[in-house]
């Protein structure tokens, strides 16, 4: 009897990394696109620790949101990892534009009638104010960015995208085949890693909200064409793991 096998490589693999903790996170403030939102001491420690976990992983590129906390996370992560892959900034993976909600306390926002819609029906939410963005628009641009980088970097690439909580949740929901209205079921902690591999048939969510697991398997040798075909199939019965 033949044994079905799933390989780590042969398809583009993206590490969706949320930025490290900021003072706004610690204080329960919705930072959004507010300037000057940088990592606090804990966030800097998180980014450096993540870099050590990524040491030896051959990243084809690091794509980051243009916001300071994401760029800073990428800088600290790569310094600790001791690697210098190509760097790119992509506005499409930047934070959702929360409009008039930006800079407000989450405790205050929880009393706003729109809060319930954000929790239960985010696909219908457009944040208030002239700069407010629809959550569906945020999700569409983020998913489009991931697919675009998959194409640019090629089928064997392992690359990182340093972004934000709601953006990563939207990408994971897409990979899981979930409607955006269900993305609030997904947790994405500061400096967590979520890993998605994209086969020609479907994405595979390999990890979600990982804050301490071993990432050395990402440095494994890539399979040939035959292994790539096998990797596109889901292992019947769940497989033996990595």
Foldseek 3Di string as FASTA:
>chain_A
DDAQDAAPFQAEKEKEWEFFAWVCNVQQAAAAQPAPTAHDPRRLVLLLVLLLLCALQPAQEEEEEPHHRLVSSVVNSCVSSVDDHHYYYDNLQEGAHQAPSHGDHPVVVCPDPCVVCVQQPLQPDFHDHPRTGRLVSSLVSLLVVVVVVSVVRDGGHYHYYYHHFSNVLSNVCVQVVHDSSPSSVADAHHRFIWMWTQAPVGIDGPGGNHRDDRPNSSNDDHDDPVSSVSNNDQRPPRDDHD
